[in-house]
Amino acid sequence: MLGGSTTPLMYAHVVRLLPLFGILALAACTPNITFEEPASQPPLKKISVTKWNGRVVEIFATLQDGVRLTNVVDISFFDGLDHRMSLDAAKERLGKPQSQRTEPDMRLPVYLYPVYKGEIGFMAVPSSGGTQQQVWAFPTNQSPATVILDVSLREQLLSRLSGQTVRVHVLRDVGFGGVTLSMTSNRVDYLILGPRDGE
């Protein structure tokens, strides 16, 4: 039948196709997560890249045996601090925090102390295993060149970054402790301390 009217037979075909349209729409919205291990150069043993719909969202950069974390990333913000130090322990050692704010990524309070190159902060993060204490650093100079000391490591990371923020984990090979950086191709927003050399 012409003129835009719908016959019962046409209506039945449309109804049968609706679930298919729903599946196609859902498939279009489902995120495509991929994992890559491109070739790496010293000081890295390997690099693993996680992508979400083609965009890099997380990088795991594992250092070669014998490479010291302090030689590749500036973690002097954390000098003398344990990566599991609680706010109460920080208060005993450093006094009352100078300020407090809500950290946007975690949406949790972070208690801050000024240091020579920026601020250090203490955060209690709820987890399935109980509350986890974290020590953060917020550099004043956010240039990747001032935070990532090793040129080769810096180039390998920056070549995979854009203007979007990515979590980069620089890991020691033994025990996989290290430091996490939240960064783009032109700035480092913060660092989270993990186990260091000798810990």
Protein backbone atom coordinates (compact mmCIF):
# COMPACT_ATOMS: atom_id res chain seq x y z
CA MET A 1 0.00 0.00 0.00
CA LEU A 2 1.36 3.43 -0.97
CA GLY A 3 0.87 6.88 0.55
CA GLY A 4 2.87 6.26 3.74
CA SER A 5 0.41 3.89 5.45
CA THR A 6 1.81 0.85 7.26
CA THR A 7 0.35 -2.59 6.65
CA PRO A 8 0.19 -5.16 9.47
CA LEU A 9 2.86 -7.19 7.68
CA MET A 10 5.26 -4.23 7.53
CA TYR A 11 4.55 -3.48 11.21
CA ALA A 12 5.42 -7.07 12.13
CA HIS A 13 8.77 -6.79 10.32
CA VAL A 14 9.59 -3.55 12.13
CA VAL A 15 8.73 -5.08 15.52
CA ARG A 16 10.96 -8.07 14.77
CA LEU A 17 13.85 -5.76 13.87
CA LEU A 18 13.64 -3.65 17.04
CA PRO A 19 15.72 -6.06 19.18
CA LEU A 20 18.39 -6.06 16.46
CA PHE A 21 18.46 -2.24 16.44
CA GLY A 22 18.83 -2.34 20.24
CA ILE A 23 21.76 -4.77 20.04
CA LEU A 24 23.48 -2.65 17.37
CA ALA A 25 22.99 0.51 19.43
CA LEU A 26 24.38 -1.24 22.53
CA ALA A 27 27.39 -2.53 20.58
CA ALA A 28 28.10 1.01 19.38
CA CYS A 29 28.12 2.26 22.99
CA THR A 30 30.11 -0.64 24.49
CA PRO A 31 33.70 0.47 25.18
CA ASN A 32 36.44 -1.27 23.25
CA ILE A 33 39.33 -1.93 25.66
CA THR A 34 42.62 -3.04 24.14
CA PHE A 35 46.03 -3.84 25.59
CA GLU A 36 49.31 -3.36 23.75
CA GLU A 37 52.95 -4.14 24.53
CA PRO A 38 54.99 -2.13 22.04
CA ALA A 39 58.77 -2.43 21.78
CA SER A 40 60.62 -0.55 24.52
CA GLN A 41 64.10 0.88 25.02
CA PRO A 42 66.28 1.15 28.16
CA PRO A 43 65.75 2.03 30.94
CA LEU A 44 62.51 0.11 30.37
CA LYS A 45 62.20 -3.65 30.41
CA LYS A 46 58.69 -3.42 28.97
CA ILE A 47 55.84 -1.02 28.44
CA SER A 48 52.14 -1.91 28.46
CA VAL A 49 49.49 0.45 27.11
CA THR A 50 45.76 0.26 27.86
CA LYS A 51 43.41 1.94 25.39
CA TRP A 52 39.72 2.74 25.70
CA ASN A 53 38.05 3.15 22.31
CA GLY A 54 41.48 3.82 20.80
CA ARG A 55 42.51 6.42 23.40
CA VAL A 56 45.40 5.74 25.79
CA VAL A 57 44.09 5.70 29.38
CA GLU A 58 46.85 3.90 31.33
CA ILE A 59 50.50 3.01 30.88
CA PHE A 60 52.59 0.52 32.86
CA ALA A 61 56.32 1.16 32.37
CA THR A 62 58.51 -1.50 34.02
CA LEU A 63 62.16 -0.61 34.63
CA GLN A 64 65.01 -2.95 33.82
CA ASP A 65 66.75 -4.85 36.61
CA GLY A 66 69.11 -2.61 38.54
CA VAL A 67 67.61 0.70 37.37
CA ARG A 68 66.91 2.90 40.37
CA LEU A 69 63.61 4.72 40.52
CA THR A 70 65.33 7.85 41.84
CA ASN A 71 67.42 8.04 38.66
CA VAL A 72 64.45 8.16 36.32
CA VAL A 73 61.71 10.04 38.21
CA ASP A 74 62.07 12.94 40.64
CA ILE A 75 60.55 11.61 43.84
CA SER A 76 62.45 14.01 46.10
CA PHE A 77 59.06 15.50 47.07
CA PHE A 78 58.66 12.42 49.25
CA ASP A 79 62.09 12.45 50.93
CA GLY A 80 61.88 10.80 54.34
CA LEU A 81 58.26 9.70 53.92
CA ASP A 82 56.89 6.18 53.86
CA HIS A 83 54.44 5.44 51.05
CA ARG A 84 51.93 4.11 53.60
CA MET A 85 52.20 7.08 55.98
CA SER A 86 48.84 8.10 57.43
CA LEU A 87 47.67 11.63 58.11
CA ASP A 88 47.99 10.99 61.87
CA ALA A 89 51.62 9.95 61.41
CA ALA A 90 52.19 13.00 59.22
CA LYS A 91 50.72 15.28 61.89
CA GLU A 92 53.07 13.81 64.50
CA ARG A 93 56.04 14.41 62.27
CA LEU A 94 55.12 17.54 60.30
CA GLY A 95 52.50 19.28 62.43
CA LYS A 96 49.08 20.43 61.33
CA PRO A 97 48.39 20.39 57.56
CA GLN A 98 48.64 23.80 55.92
CA SER A 99 45.52 23.26 53.82
CA GLN A 100 42.94 20.73 52.67
CA ARG A 101 41.07 20.29 49.40
CA THR A 102 39.06 17.68 47.56
CA GLU A 103 41.20 15.94 44.97
CA PRO A 104 39.11 16.00 41.76
CA ASP A 105 40.11 12.58 40.38
CA MET A 106 39.42 10.68 43.59
CA ARG A 107 36.79 13.04 45.05
CA LEU A 108 38.39 12.54 48.44
CA PRO A 109 39.98 15.01 50.85
CA VAL A 110 43.75 15.42 50.66
CA TYR A 111 45.64 17.13 53.50
CA LEU A 112 48.52 19.24 52.25
CA TYR A 113 51.95 20.39 53.39
CA PRO A 114 54.21 22.70 51.38
CA VAL A 115 57.58 21.32 50.25
CA TYR A 116 60.41 22.86 48.25
CA LYS A 117 59.03 21.86 44.82
CA GLY A 118 55.30 21.95 45.50
CA GLU A 119 53.03 20.22 47.99
CA ILE A 120 52.73 16.77 49.49
CA GLY A 121 49.37 15.39 50.51
CA PHE A 122 47.96 12.54 52.56
CA MET A 123 44.81 10.71 51.55
CA ALA A 124 42.81 7.81 53.02
CA VAL A 125 41.35 5.75 50.16
CA PRO A 126 38.59 3.19 50.85
CA SER A 127 39.26 -0.20 49.27
CA SER A 128 37.90 -3.73 49.45
CA GLY A 129 40.72 -4.66 51.84
CA GLY A 130 40.14 -1.69 54.16
CA THR A 131 41.33 1.90 54.09
CA GLN A 132 44.54 2.45 52.15
CA GLN A 133 46.87 5.32 53.04
CA GLN A 134 48.40 7.19 50.10
CA VAL A 135 51.03 9.91 49.86
CA TRP A 136 50.69 12.32 46.93
CA ALA A 137 52.87 15.10 45.51
CA PHE A 138 51.68 18.09 43.50
CA PRO A 139 54.67 19.66 41.71
CA THR A 140 54.87 23.42 41.24
CA ASN A 141 56.73 22.94 37.96
CA GLN A 142 54.53 20.46 36.13
CA SER A 143 56.76 20.08 33.08
CA PRO A 144 57.41 16.38 32.31
CA ALA A 145 61.09 17.31 31.82
CA THR A 146 61.40 18.35 35.48
CA VAL A 147 59.62 15.28 36.87
CA ILE A 148 60.78 12.50 34.50
CA LEU A 149 64.56 12.73 34.73
CA ASP A 150 65.55 10.06 32.21
CA VAL A 151 65.35 11.37 28.62
CA SER A 152 64.66 7.96 27.06
CA LEU A 153 61.86 7.16 29.51
CA ARG A 154 60.35 10.60 29.01
CA GLU A 155 60.38 10.30 25.21
CA GLN A 156 58.83 6.83 25.30
CA LEU A 157 56.00 8.06 27.52
CA LEU A 158 55.37 11.39 25.79
CA SER A 159 55.18 9.73 22.37
CA ARG A 160 52.06 7.92 23.62
CA LEU A 161 50.38 10.88 25.33
CA SER A 162 48.20 13.72 24.13
CA GLY A 163 46.24 16.46 25.88
CA GLN A 164 44.18 13.83 27.71
CA THR A 165 45.17 12.87 31.25
CA VAL A 166 46.66 9.38 31.59
CA ARG A 167 47.76 7.39 34.64
CA VAL A 168 51.38 6.30 34.14
CA HIS A 169 52.83 3.69 36.52
CA VAL A 170 56.64 3.60 36.57
CA LEU A 171 57.39 0.27 38.21
CA ARG A 172 60.48 -1.33 39.66
CA ASP A 173 60.97 -4.79 38.23
CA VAL A 174 61.32 -6.41 41.65
CA GLY A 175 58.07 -6.25 43.61
CA PHE A 176 56.49 -3.85 41.13
CA GLY A 177 56.62 -0.93 43.54
CA GLY A 178 57.22 2.47 42.08
CA VAL A 179 55.38 5.71 41.47
CA THR A 180 52.17 6.65 39.65
CA LEU A 181 51.99 9.88 37.66
CA SER A 182 48.86 11.54 36.36
CA MET A 183 50.02 13.37 33.26
CA THR A 184 49.43 14.66 29.76
CA SER A 185 51.96 15.35 27.03
CA ASN A 186 52.82 18.71 28.60
CA ARG A 187 52.25 18.48 32.35
CA VAL A 188 52.39 16.22 35.41
CA ASP A 189 49.43 16.92 37.68
CA TYR A 190 50.45 14.70 40.59
CA LEU A 191 52.51 11.71 41.71
CA ILE A 192 51.47 8.92 44.08
CA LEU A 193 54.28 7.24 45.96
CA GLY A 194 54.70 3.47 46.03
CA PRO A 195 57.51 1.30 47.43
CA ARG A 196 60.91 2.77 46.59
CA ASP A 197 64.36 1.31 45.96
CA GLY A 198 65.27 -0.90 48.90
CA GLU A 199 61.69 -1.21 50.23
